[in-house]
Structure formats: C-alpha cells, structure tokens
Amino acid sequence: MARIVDRRLNGKNKSAVNRQKFIRRFRGQIKKAVSDAISQRSVTDLDKGEKISIPTRDISEPFFHHGSGGQRERVHPGNKEFNTGDHIKRPQSGSGQGQGTEGSEDGQGQDEFVFELTREEFLQFFFEDLELPNLVKTKLSTIKDVKKVRAGYKNDGTPSNINVIRSLRGAMGRRIALRSPYQKQIQDIEIEINRLLKIRSEHDPAIMELRLKIEELKKKKDRIPFIDSFDLRYNNQIDQPRPTTQAVMFCIMDVSGSMGREEKDMAKRFFMLLYMFLTRTYEKIQVVFISHHTVANEVDEEAFFYSRETGGTVVSSALTMMSQIIRERYPSSDWNIYAAQASDGDNWHNDSPTCRKIMEEEIMPYTQYYAYIEITEDRHQNLWQEYQLIKSHWENFAMQRIERAADIYPVFRKLFQKQPK
C-alpha cells in the first residue's frame, strides 16, 4: 500500500532539521557507507560529498493501521458474494503485499533509497574515527585562505582607499555636464548683445539687462563645486583564494608483502589528510605516486593502493626515483616540494645507510617538508634508526609511528603543527 507524506507546507529551513534527524537515525549505515567510499575514493577527490544507498525497508515511517483480530465492520462496494454475518477465511501466510529489494515474479521491485551527503557532512564522518575534537573538525572542513584583490570601484569606503584619478575624472565630467547649459545661455546672450550694439548704445536698458543676466549665469557656473561627495570613487577589493604558487606532493609507499590491506588503508587516510592540507595552501598542486618493493615505479593511484605485488624491500629505489623526477620535472625554483613516505620500516639492512645518503644529498636540500610514517605495532626497524640521524640534521624532516587508525590525525597534527619562530 502506497503512503504519501506531503511536506509542501514545511518552512524553507525546516528540511534542515529533518535532515539532521535522518542522519542521526541512520548514522550506523551512513558511517559504513562513508567507510566504503573512502576505500574506493581517490586521494584528490576527498573534498567532495558522497551519494550513499540505504535499503528502503530501513527508511519506512511509522503509521497507524488496523491490527489483526477483533470485530470490524466494512462496506465493500460491488459485493455480490457475502452477506452480513458471513465469516471470511483468513488469507494464507505470505500472500499479502510485501516490500523488498528482490524482484518479484513479474519483474517488479523497489530500489534502495539514495541519500547524498554534503562536503561538510562527509568530512565530519571522515574525521570521526580519527578521534578529532569537534572544533578541529569544523575548522578543517571550512577553513579557507584568501587574499585581497582589486575588483573595480565602489561609491563608499575608507579615505585610504580613495582612487584620486577616478574621482577627479568623475568630477570633471560632472562639471562639464552642469556648466554646459549655462555656457550655452551665455553665448546666446553675447550674440544678442552684439546684434543690439549695432543699432543701440552701450547704455541701452535692454543691453544693460542682458549683461546683468550674463553676470548671474557666470556666478551660477562658478558655484558648481570642484569635487563633490558623490564624485568620490573607492578602490573595491574582494577575497580571492590564495596563493597562486604551485606545489607537488610525492606519496611514497612500501607495497612489499609485509604491508597488508589494513596498513595501506591507514596510509591512504594519511595521504588524504596531507592532500587536503596542501590544497588549502596552494592553488595548483600535483600528486606523484611512487610504490616500491625491491624496485620502484611511478604508478597511478589504483596501483599505488591496491597493488598485489610482493617481495622484499629496497627503499633506496623509491628515493632514487623521486630525486630523478624532481630534477626532470619539478625544479625547486618553481615548485614547492612535499613528500610523505609510508612503510612498516622493514628494509634490507645494508640499504638503509644508502637511503640516508640519498636523502641528505639529493632530496632534503630541495624539499619544503618530508614526513616519514612507520605503520607498525612492533618495535622500530633499521630504517627508523637511519632516519633519526636525518632528523637530527634537517629541521624540515619529521617522523612518527602509527599503530592504529585513531593515531592518524594526532600524528598528522604533530607533523604539521606550526613551529615557533
């Protein structure tokens, strides 16, 4: 049986309250849908909303209806079979109308309900399992960095923003427009005086009256102010996202056999945070994905996070590739270079000193910031020991360990907190 709920009489903003009630009611299902979306979403598409599906059986609204049993009287039009007092057999179980997502014998069914989360709502759910305070959630989902740019002129403002040239140009145009009628009348009267002087004397009353009229028109013309308040024009400035500089983010991840799906998922969430952080700082940003086991490859995001390759670990192969890409495509004079490396720290013992040498000579002098994330619950590996030596010499190098998903955001905050001047 179809039921229609008429909400046309609701006020303009009442649907917002209903929306929040809906989100609270189906929070568990929305949370699961967001988690599934994160695993399938691109790093560069984090800052968007999401469409989620909820089974129709879960969104039914409560309504009053007749229960089974009791005595009821009904009048059915067109009845030719029953009379008052006749007993009607109860329908067989399962013969009534039902709802479900499975198709019936005639091919009919009902689709799942599709609900679209806004960008802010999606970010709230994204940050939720990272144990963020509510204040930090709001700031990260709404913060914008802007700069003031010129955008024409306006009629009011502060004296420091007066555009002198534009104001004088307007005042000059106004004076020309207002003086023109007076000047035309003066010219016409002078022509008339010259005509009368040919037949009359200078002291003729008509000529004297015309000269007085000229003097009066000149006084009116002189009373026109040089500049008036409505001539003033002020420089108009609007907010524009800033800055116009560009950045490149290197994402380096160990895809050897020791990095499981859970470790890669935590790495992806960290890279998402880093990408969102940089997009609020730079107008143009590019992402380079480098995966490695014994050899390194520049790959797309799909291969980066869902690669099924396995093998040993040679971290220096990825660092060598990053250094080569910087030299060929991203000169430090034109690009702000950032890098984040995620690994379980397991590396060939004789390769870790090589990594430190490449970092100190070929990477750290050209990067704005380099963050190393060790995703493991065990003790630190040999790569951690070598990277500690790098940290002691380079202020733009940071390293932290992540043991579980709840550690991702606190670690991110430690890595990217503002340093004292």
Protein backbone atom coordinates (compact mmCIF):
# COMPACT_ATOMS: atom_id res chain seq x y z
CA MET A 1 0.00 0.00 0.00
CA ALA A 2 1.49 3.34 -1.05
CA ARG A 3 1.75 6.16 1.50
CA ILE A 4 2.38 9.80 0.56
CA VAL A 5 3.78 12.31 3.04
CA ASP A 6 3.04 15.90 2.00
CA ARG A 7 5.85 18.22 3.10
CA ARG A 8 4.97 21.17 0.89
CA LEU A 9 3.73 23.19 3.87
CA ASN A 10 7.09 22.95 5.63
CA GLY A 11 9.03 26.19 6.03
CA LYS A 12 12.09 26.99 3.96
CA ASN A 13 14.60 25.78 6.58
CA LYS A 14 12.60 23.03 8.26
CA SER A 15 14.04 20.39 5.96
CA ALA A 16 17.48 21.05 7.52
CA VAL A 17 16.15 19.81 10.89
CA ASN A 18 14.63 16.76 9.23
CA ARG A 19 17.94 16.10 7.51
CA GLN A 20 19.83 16.07 10.81
CA LYS A 21 17.23 13.73 12.31
CA PHE A 22 17.65 11.43 9.33
CA ILE A 23 21.46 11.44 9.70
CA ARG A 24 21.20 10.64 13.43
CA ARG A 25 18.69 7.87 12.79
CA PHE A 26 20.76 6.12 10.13
CA ARG A 27 24.16 7.05 11.49
CA GLY A 28 25.44 3.48 11.52
CA GLN A 29 24.52 2.83 7.91
CA ILE A 30 25.84 6.21 6.75
CA LYS A 31 29.10 5.60 8.61
CA LYS A 32 29.52 2.23 6.92
CA ALA A 33 28.79 3.79 3.53
CA VAL A 34 31.37 6.54 4.15
CA SER A 35 34.00 3.96 5.14
CA ASP A 36 33.32 2.04 1.95
CA ALA A 37 33.51 5.28 -0.06
CA ILE A 38 36.88 6.20 1.47
CA SER A 39 38.37 2.88 0.42
CA GLN A 40 37.21 3.48 -3.16
CA ARG A 41 37.76 7.23 -3.34
CA SER A 42 40.67 8.97 -4.97
CA VAL A 43 43.09 10.94 -2.80
CA THR A 44 42.40 14.02 -4.93
CA ASP A 45 38.60 13.63 -4.56
CA LEU A 46 38.44 13.69 -0.77
CA ASP A 47 37.00 17.20 -0.60
CA LYS A 48 33.60 16.29 -2.10
CA GLY A 49 30.24 14.92 -0.99
CA GLU A 50 29.05 11.36 -1.45
CA LYS A 51 25.90 9.53 -2.55
CA ILE A 52 25.01 6.60 -0.32
CA SER A 53 22.27 3.97 -0.60
CA ILE A 54 20.02 2.81 2.23
CA PRO A 55 17.61 -0.15 1.88
CA THR A 56 14.00 1.00 1.62
CA ARG A 57 12.92 -1.29 4.45
CA ASP A 58 15.08 0.80 6.82
CA ILE A 59 13.53 4.19 5.99
CA SER A 60 9.83 3.36 6.43
CA GLU A 61 7.99 5.87 8.62
CA PRO A 62 5.71 4.70 11.46
CA PHE A 63 1.98 4.88 10.76
CA PHE A 64 -1.30 3.73 12.37
CA HIS A 65 -3.12 0.76 10.91
CA HIS A 66 -5.60 -1.92 11.98
CA GLY A 67 -4.06 -4.84 13.79
CA SER A 68 -5.09 -8.46 13.44
CA GLY A 69 -8.13 -9.80 15.33
CA GLY A 70 -11.14 -8.01 16.79
CA GLN A 71 -14.55 -7.32 15.28
CA ARG A 72 -14.79 -4.86 12.44
CA GLU A 73 -17.48 -3.85 10.02
CA ARG A 74 -16.62 -2.81 6.50
CA VAL A 75 -18.63 -1.94 3.46
CA HIS A 76 -17.07 -3.13 0.20
CA PRO A 77 -18.69 -1.72 -2.94
CA GLY A 78 -19.60 -4.25 -5.58
CA ASN A 79 -20.00 -7.17 -3.12
CA LYS A 80 -22.03 -9.99 -4.67
CA GLU A 81 -20.77 -12.96 -2.63
CA PHE A 82 -21.15 -12.18 1.09
CA ASN A 83 -23.94 -11.08 3.40
CA THR A 84 -23.94 -9.61 6.90
CA GLY A 85 -22.73 -12.18 9.44
CA ASP A 86 -20.77 -14.31 7.00
CA HIS A 87 -17.30 -15.42 8.15
CA ILE A 88 -14.33 -14.77 5.86
CA LYS A 89 -11.35 -17.05 5.97
CA ARG A 90 -8.00 -15.55 6.95
CA PRO A 91 -5.59 -15.20 3.98
CA GLN A 92 -2.75 -17.68 3.80
CA SER A 93 0.57 -16.52 5.33
CA GLY A 94 2.82 -14.73 2.85
CA SER A 95 0.04 -13.91 0.41
CA GLY A 96 -0.10 -10.26 1.41
CA GLN A 97 1.78 -7.37 -0.09
CA GLY A 98 5.41 -7.09 0.90
CA GLN A 99 8.37 -4.85 0.31
CA GLY A 100 11.85 -5.90 -0.60
CA THR A 101 14.71 -5.25 -2.91
CA GLU A 102 14.43 -8.63 -4.62
CA GLY A 103 12.50 -8.75 -7.85
CA SER A 104 9.13 -10.48 -7.91
CA GLU A 105 7.90 -13.00 -10.48
CA ASP A 106 6.56 -10.23 -12.71
CA GLY A 107 9.88 -8.36 -12.51
CA GLN A 108 8.70 -5.57 -10.21
CA GLY A 109 10.62 -4.39 -7.14
CA GLN A 110 11.87 -1.34 -5.24
CA ASP A 111 15.25 0.37 -5.46
CA GLU A 112 17.30 1.37 -2.47
CA PHE A 113 16.95 4.93 -1.16
CA VAL A 114 19.81 7.16 -2.34
CA PHE A 115 20.91 9.88 0.08
CA GLU A 116 23.56 12.50 -0.77
CA LEU A 117 25.94 13.80 1.88
CA THR A 118 27.29 17.32 1.54
CA ARG A 119 31.02 18.03 1.57
CA GLU A 120 30.95 19.16 5.22
CA GLU A 121 28.91 16.14 6.33
CA PHE A 122 31.24 13.77 4.53
CA LEU A 123 34.30 15.33 6.17
CA GLN A 124 32.64 15.05 9.58
CA PHE A 125 32.20 11.31 9.11
CA PHE A 126 35.68 11.02 7.58
CA PHE A 127 37.31 12.56 10.66
CA GLU A 128 35.06 10.83 13.17
CA ASP A 129 37.06 7.63 13.69
CA LEU A 130 40.26 9.66 13.83
CA GLU A 131 39.13 10.97 17.22
CA LEU A 132 39.07 14.64 16.27
CA PRO A 133 37.64 17.25 18.62
CA ASN A 134 34.51 18.88 17.20
CA LEU A 135 36.21 22.27 16.99
CA VAL A 136 39.02 20.87 14.88
CA LYS A 137 36.51 19.07 12.64
CA THR A 138 34.72 22.32 11.91
CA LYS A 139 37.90 24.24 11.21
CA LEU A 140 39.33 21.64 8.87
CA SER A 141 36.12 21.30 6.90
CA THR A 142 35.53 25.03 6.44
CA ILE A 143 38.86 26.83 6.64
CA LYS A 144 39.83 28.87 3.58
CA ASP A 145 42.86 31.04 2.98
CA VAL A 146 42.17 34.16 0.88
CA LYS A 147 43.86 37.32 -0.28
CA LYS A 148 42.52 40.75 -1.22
CA VAL A 149 42.49 41.65 -4.94
CA ARG A 150 41.30 44.73 -6.87
CA ALA A 151 37.81 44.47 -8.35
CA GLY A 152 36.76 47.82 -9.84
CA TYR A 153 35.39 50.75 -7.84
CA LYS A 154 32.63 51.47 -5.33
CA ASN A 155 30.89 54.62 -4.06
CA ASP A 156 31.82 54.30 -0.39
CA GLY A 157 34.82 53.25 1.65
CA THR A 158 37.65 54.50 3.81
CA PRO A 159 39.68 57.59 2.85
CA SER A 160 42.82 55.50 2.41
CA ASN A 161 41.11 53.63 -0.46
CA ILE A 162 40.11 56.73 -2.47
CA ASN A 163 41.12 56.48 -6.11
CA VAL A 164 42.16 60.06 -6.87
CA ILE A 165 42.36 59.77 -10.65
CA ARG A 166 38.98 58.07 -10.97
CA SER A 167 37.38 60.59 -8.59
CA LEU A 168 38.78 63.63 -10.47
CA ARG A 169 37.72 62.15 -13.77
CA GLY A 170 34.16 61.83 -12.49
CA ALA A 171 34.22 65.36 -11.04
CA MET A 172 35.44 66.79 -14.34
CA GLY A 173 32.68 65.05 -16.25
CA ARG A 174 30.09 66.33 -13.80
CA ARG A 175 31.35 69.93 -14.09
CA ILE A 176 31.31 69.77 -17.87
CA ALA A 177 27.78 68.40 -17.86
CA LEU A 178 26.47 71.01 -15.39
CA ARG A 179 28.28 74.03 -16.89
CA SER A 180 27.29 73.34 -20.48
CA PRO A 181 23.72 74.75 -20.22
CA TYR A 182 24.99 77.96 -18.54
CA GLN A 183 27.77 78.37 -21.09
CA LYS A 184 25.30 77.94 -23.95
CA GLN A 185 22.99 80.59 -22.50
CA ILE A 186 25.93 82.98 -22.02
CA GLN A 187 26.99 82.52 -25.65
CA ASP A 188 23.45 83.15 -26.90
CA ILE A 189 23.16 86.33 -24.80
CA GLU A 190 26.52 87.66 -26.05
CA ILE A 191 25.39 87.13 -29.62
CA GLU A 192 22.21 89.07 -28.86
CA ILE A 193 24.24 91.91 -27.24
CA ASN A 194 26.48 92.19 -30.31
CA ARG A 195 23.41 92.43 -32.52
CA LEU A 196 21.86 95.18 -30.38
CA LEU A 197 25.10 97.18 -30.20
CA LYS A 198 24.85 97.74 -33.94
CA ILE A 199 21.63 99.71 -33.55
CA ARG A 200 21.74 100.86 -29.93
CA SER A 201 24.18 102.42 -27.49
CA GLU A 202 26.13 100.65 -24.72
CA HIS A 203 23.93 102.17 -22.00
CA ASP A 204 20.70 100.99 -23.50
CA PRO A 205 18.48 99.41 -20.79
CA ALA A 206 17.98 96.21 -22.80
CA ILE A 207 21.75 95.75 -23.18
CA MET A 208 22.36 96.51 -19.50
CA GLU A 209 19.77 93.92 -18.51
CA LEU A 210 21.40 91.28 -20.74
CA ARG A 211 24.82 91.97 -19.22
CA LEU A 212 23.40 91.56 -15.70
CA LYS A 213 21.95 88.24 -16.79
CA ILE A 214 25.39 87.13 -18.02
CA GLU A 215 26.93 88.01 -14.65
CA GLU A 216 24.25 85.99 -12.87
CA LEU A 217 24.82 82.94 -15.10
CA LYS A 218 28.60 83.14 -14.52
CA LYS A 219 28.05 83.19 -10.76
CA LYS A 220 25.87 80.08 -11.03
CA LYS A 221 28.55 78.37 -13.11
CA ASP A 222 31.24 79.28 -10.57
CA ARG A 223 29.15 77.92 -7.71
CA ILE A 224 29.44 74.39 -9.15
CA PRO A 225 31.83 72.64 -6.71
CA PHE A 226 35.18 71.40 -7.98
CA ILE A 227 34.55 67.99 -6.41
CA ASP A 228 31.50 66.68 -4.59
CA SER A 229 30.97 63.74 -2.28
CA PHE A 230 29.23 61.67 -4.95
CA ASP A 231 32.26 62.12 -7.24
CA LEU A 232 34.45 60.08 -4.93
CA ARG A 233 35.33 56.58 -6.03
CA TYR A 234 37.00 54.00 -3.79
CA ASN A 235 39.07 51.00 -4.78
CA ASN A 236 36.97 47.86 -4.37
CA GLN A 237 38.69 44.74 -3.07
CA ILE A 238 37.32 41.21 -2.88
CA ASP A 239 38.56 37.96 -1.33
CA GLN A 240 40.25 35.50 -3.65
CA PRO A 241 41.69 32.07 -2.76
CA ARG A 242 45.43 32.28 -2.26
CA PRO A 243 48.16 31.87 -3.10
CA THR A 244 48.86 31.38 -6.79
CA THR A 245 52.00 29.35 -6.19
CA GLN A 246 52.23 25.66 -7.02
CA ALA A 247 53.28 22.54 -5.17
CA VAL A 248 53.93 18.87 -5.82
CA MET A 249 53.29 16.10 -3.31
CA PHE A 250 55.26 12.86 -3.51
CA CYS A 251 53.49 9.85 -1.99
CA ILE A 252 55.95 7.01 -1.42
CA MET A 253 54.70 3.69 -0.10
CA ASP A 254 56.14 0.28 0.54
CA VAL A 255 53.98 -2.33 -1.26
CA SER A 256 56.04 -5.36 -0.28
CA GLY A 257 54.47 -8.43 1.26
CA SER A 258 54.75 -7.07 4.80
CA MET A 259 52.35 -4.19 4.03
CA GLY A 260 48.84 -5.60 4.34
CA ARG A 261 45.49 -4.10 3.36
CA GLU A 262 44.95 -2.51 6.77
CA GLU A 263 48.36 -0.81 6.69
CA LYS A 264 47.70 0.52 3.18
CA ASP A 265 44.29 1.82 4.23
CA MET A 266 45.85 3.79 7.11
CA ALA A 267 48.49 5.13 4.74
CA LYS A 268 45.80 6.24 2.31
CA ARG A 269 43.98 8.15 5.01
CA PHE A 270 47.16 9.92 5.97
CA PHE A 271 47.84 10.86 2.33
CA MET A 272 44.27 12.17 2.06
CA LEU A 273 44.81 14.44 5.04
CA LEU A 274 48.08 15.69 3.57
CA TYR A 275 46.50 16.38 0.19
CA MET A 276 43.59 18.29 1.75
CA PHE A 277 46.03 20.29 3.89
CA LEU A 278 48.09 21.30 0.85
CA THR A 279 45.10 22.21 -1.33
CA ARG A 280 44.19 24.84 1.28
CA THR A 281 47.65 26.34 0.94
CA TYR A 282 48.37 26.08 -2.78
CA GLU A 283 46.15 26.87 -5.72
CA LYS A 284 47.88 24.41 -8.03
CA ILE A 285 49.08 21.07 -6.74
CA GLN A 286 50.15 17.83 -8.38
CA VAL A 287 50.49 14.38 -6.84
CA VAL A 288 53.17 11.82 -7.74
CA PHE A 289 52.66 8.23 -6.57
CA ILE A 290 55.74 6.03 -6.15
CA SER A 291 55.39 2.43 -4.98
CA HIS A 292 58.28 0.11 -4.28
CA HIS A 293 59.35 -3.30 -3.08
CA THR A 294 62.75 -4.32 -4.42
CA VAL A 295 62.23 -1.92 -7.36
CA ALA A 296 60.34 1.38 -7.57
CA ASN A 297 57.71 2.50 -10.07
CA GLU A 298 55.77 5.68 -10.67
CA VAL A 299 52.17 4.48 -10.77
CA ASP A 300 48.60 5.72 -10.73
CA GLU A 301 46.56 5.80 -7.56
CA GLU A 302 44.82 2.48 -8.27
CA ALA A 303 48.09 0.61 -8.49
CA PHE A 304 49.52 2.58 -5.59
CA PHE A 305 46.93 1.49 -3.02
CA TYR A 306 45.71 -1.80 -4.45
CA SER A 307 48.83 -3.34 -5.89
CA ARG A 308 49.17 -7.08 -5.40
CA GLU A 309 52.91 -7.13 -5.93
CA THR A 310 55.06 -8.66 -3.25
CA GLY A 311 58.68 -9.27 -2.49
CA GLY A 312 61.49 -7.81 -0.43
CA THR A 313 62.06 -4.18 0.39
CA VAL A 314 64.65 -1.81 -1.08
CA VAL A 315 63.64 1.71 -0.04
CA SER A 316 66.54 3.42 -1.83
CA SER A 317 64.96 2.56 -5.21
CA ALA A 318 61.99 4.84 -4.42
CA LEU A 319 64.17 7.67 -3.14
CA THR A 320 66.37 7.49 -6.25
CA MET A 321 63.28 7.71 -8.47
CA MET A 322 61.94 10.70 -6.52
CA SER A 323 65.25 12.52 -6.87
CA GLN A 324 65.25 11.86 -10.62
CA ILE A 325 61.66 13.11 -11.05
CA ILE A 326 62.47 16.31 -9.16
CA ARG A 327 65.42 17.04 -11.43
CA GLU A 328 63.48 16.34 -14.62
CA ARG A 329 60.03 17.80 -13.90
CA TYR A 330 59.88 19.83 -10.70
CA PRO A 331 62.75 22.31 -10.27
CA SER A 332 62.78 23.67 -6.73
CA SER A 333 62.94 27.23 -8.07
CA ASP A 334 59.40 26.86 -9.48
CA TRP A 335 57.80 24.24 -7.22
CA ASN A 336 57.21 23.75 -3.52
CA ILE A 337 58.10 20.10 -2.97
CA TYR A 338 56.49 17.95 -0.27
CA ALA A 339 56.88 14.25 0.38
CA ALA A 340 55.27 11.66 2.63
CA GLN A 341 56.61 8.14 2.95
CA ALA A 342 54.64 5.28 4.48
CA SER A 343 56.26 1.98 5.34
CA ASP A 344 56.41 -0.70 8.01
CA GLY A 345 60.10 0.14 8.36
CA ASP A 346 61.34 -3.27 7.22
CA ASN A 347 64.27 -2.77 4.83
CA TRP A 348 67.38 -4.63 3.76
CA HIS A 349 69.96 -3.87 6.40
CA ASN A 350 72.69 -2.68 4.01
CA ASP A 351 70.21 -0.47 2.11
CA SER A 352 69.23 1.82 5.00
CA PRO A 353 72.58 3.72 5.05
CA THR A 354 72.18 4.25 1.30
CA CYS A 355 68.74 5.75 1.95
CA ARG A 356 70.19 8.22 4.43
CA LYS A 357 72.86 9.29 1.93
CA ILE A 358 70.31 9.87 -0.86
CA MET A 359 68.04 11.80 1.46
CA GLU A 360 70.73 14.13 2.77
CA GLU A 361 72.40 14.80 -0.59
CA GLU A 362 69.63 14.66 -3.20
CA ILE A 363 66.24 15.20 -1.53
CA MET A 364 66.28 17.19 1.71
CA PRO A 365 68.02 20.30 0.27
CA TYR A 366 65.17 20.71 -2.25
CA THR A 367 62.05 19.82 -0.28
CA GLN A 368 59.86 22.05 1.83
CA TYR A 369 58.88 19.19 4.12
CA TYR A 370 59.40 15.45 4.30
CA ALA A 371 57.29 13.23 6.58
CA TYR A 372 58.07 9.59 7.27
CA ILE A 373 55.30 7.41 8.72
CA GLU A 374 56.09 3.99 10.12
CA ILE A 375 52.95 1.86 10.25
CA THR A 376 53.65 -0.97 12.68
CA GLU A 377 52.75 -2.23 16.12
CA ASP A 378 56.14 -3.85 16.64
CA ARG A 379 59.42 -2.26 17.57
CA HIS A 380 61.16 0.17 15.21
CA GLN A 381 63.08 -1.27 12.28
CA ASN A 382 66.58 -0.39 11.00
CA LEU A 383 65.23 2.27 8.61
CA TRP A 384 63.91 4.20 11.61
CA GLN A 385 67.37 4.32 13.13
CA GLU A 386 68.89 5.82 9.98
CA TYR A 387 66.09 8.35 9.60
CA GLN A 388 66.64 9.53 13.16
CA LEU A 389 70.09 10.71 12.06
CA ILE A 390 68.46 12.68 9.23
CA LYS A 391 66.02 14.26 11.67
CA SER A 392 68.86 15.49 13.85
CA HIS A 393 70.38 17.43 10.91
CA TRP A 394 67.32 18.65 8.98
CA GLU A 395 64.52 20.70 10.53
CA ASN A 396 62.20 20.06 7.58
CA PHE A 397 62.21 16.31 8.23
CA ALA A 398 59.72 14.66 10.60
CA MET A 399 58.92 11.09 11.52
CA GLN A 400 56.16 9.41 13.53
CA ARG A 401 54.72 5.96 14.07
CA ILE A 402 51.10 4.90 13.52
CA GLU A 403 49.81 1.80 15.26
CA ARG A 404 46.05 2.09 14.64
CA ALA A 405 43.57 4.28 12.74
CA ALA A 406 42.94 6.51 15.76
CA ASP A 407 46.62 7.58 15.65
CA ILE A 408 46.42 9.03 12.14
CA TYR A 409 45.17 12.51 12.94
CA PRO A 410 47.18 13.08 16.15
CA VAL A 411 50.31 12.06 14.22
CA PHE A 412 49.33 14.38 11.38
CA ARG A 413 48.92 17.25 13.83
CA LYS A 414 52.35 16.59 15.28
CA LEU A 415 53.94 16.52 11.85
CA PHE A 416 52.32 19.71 10.58
CA GLN A 417 51.86 21.88 13.64
CA LYS A 418 53.11 25.46 13.40
CA GLN A 419 56.67 25.77 14.52
CA PRO A 420 57.71 28.64 16.84
CA LYS A 421 59.52 31.45 15.06
